[in-house]
Every structure is written in C-alpha cells, then in structure tokens.
Amino acid sequence: MKLDREMTHPPRLRGWDDGCDDGIAPMRGEYGSDVVEEDRGLMNVIIADDDPVMLVLLRAVVEQGGHTVIASVHDGEAAWTAFQKSNDVPLVILDWEMPKLDGLGLCRRIRESELGDPFLLVVTGRDKREDLLRALDAGADDYLTKPVTADEFAARLRIAERRIEITGARRQAEIELRKARYPAGIGETSLALQHEINNLLAAMLSHASLLEAGMIEDSEKEEALQTMVQQARRIGEVVKRLRQIEQPRSVEYLGNARMLDIGPGAEPRKS
C-alpha cells in the first residue's frame, strides 16, 4: 500500500489497539471496534474498512480535519448498526470488499432507509470504469481508488465537506421557503374550499333543516334527498380534485385576494 511518508508508521491514536502497551487503555465501542468519545467535531463520521492500516490512516485524516469518528469498524454490518444508532451522520467512508456486508450493499441499505442521507465515499482497490459506475448506481457520492496517500484522502475529504455544506444550506433554504409559503398556501386553500363548498353545504343544511322540521311534503322528500346526495357528491369531487393537483396554482378571487385553483379545469396529478 502506498502511504504518505509521514504515515508509513501509523500514528498511535487513543482507542487504537495495536497490541503495544503504551499505558493508554484502548477504548472499545459497542460495535466491537474503536469508538471515539470526545468533543464533537465539525461533523460525525463512520468509517468501515477491513484493512487495519487503512482504517488508521482514514481515521487520522478525518480527525485532523476536526471531525468526530463515532465508529471505526471492520465490516459492513457493524457500520450499518452504527449508522442505525446514530442520529446525525453526514459522512460515511467505506471500503468495497468487507466481510458480512460489502460496501455496495451498505450503500444500498443506507439509501433505501429513511434514517438520513449521508455523503457516501467509497475507498477501494477496484479501479475499472464499470466498478465506478456500479458504485455510483449503488448510491455512492464519490469514489477513491487505493492505494491512497493521506494528502489524496484529505483532498477528497475537503470536497465531501463542501458538498455536505452546500447540500445542508440548500435544504435549509427549502425549509425556510416552505415556511414562508405555508401561511399564504393555507389562506389560498381556505378561500378555494370556501368558494367551492360553502354554497353546496348551505344547500344541504337547508334541505336537512326543512326535512327535520317536517316542512317538506311527503311527495317531495325523495327529491330533496336526491338533491342532498348530489350536493354531497359534488363536495366529494372538490376534495378529490384537491388531492389530485400536482402543480398547484392560484387564481384571482376578490380584490387583491387569491385562492387555490381547484375548479373542474385544475391540472390533476399525472398517473
């Protein structure tokens, strides 16, 4: 393996059990591997690689970047367990060929879950173009081929940091935009429902009140009931149109007010 000259002898990191007695007890995590319990860095990171030397290199570079390695594991299943138990993991660094669950299987499992959408960086000895395509198809965001130096990995780590920062900023902007639009959307929807349903409800209640008060002749009761059924169906159609709208748009109502367009001509959701 090609390593940086400074990394030829991996650093003695707290928590790394290299079999040497240096007076510092290794920290063992609940996943049977090294877990760092220190102050939180810029972001939480999970690293999975079955090569002990590569695991030390990756963790050293990540921690030198100010991040917190919450799990440093040797197989895909342990990485998946760590990811499931963590609430905030923006970055997962993983090898392709690992025991129990390989890197591509781990990528797919993370992407199919609803536990988060981390940046997935695959570090592997595979270097063919079809390997890159397979990794990307499995959900990887970036792909780094071994052998790798500390400087090369640090450069890819900075790229991942920028991507994660940009993605986070975009998502926050989308959240703020939805919050800003929400009150207006509620008002437009309320006006639309009032416009489409109020008259139908008023007519239904009027017929119901007349029936309840015995003010409709027996010969006219059936006709009144049929009218009420038709009005109820029309209300149901309005609700159905509201549910099927895919690209909502507003139209002028009264004065400067606008309402959601849920009329018969509103664009339905495409099947």
Foldseek 3Di string as FASTA:
>chain_A
DDEDPVPPPQDDDAQDPPPDPPPGDHDADPLRGGADDDDAFPFEEEEEAQDSSVLSLLVVLCVVVRHGHGYRYHALVSSLVVLVPDQTHQEYEYEQDGPPAGPLRSLQVVVPDPRDQHAYEYEYQDDDPVVVVSSVVSPHPYYHHPPDYSVRVNVVVVVRVVVSVVVVVVVVVVVVVCVVCVVLQVQQAVVVCCVQQVVLVVLLVVLVVCVVVVVDDPVCNVVSVVSNVVSVVSNVLLVVLVVFQDDWDWDDDPDRRIHIDSPPPHDGHDD
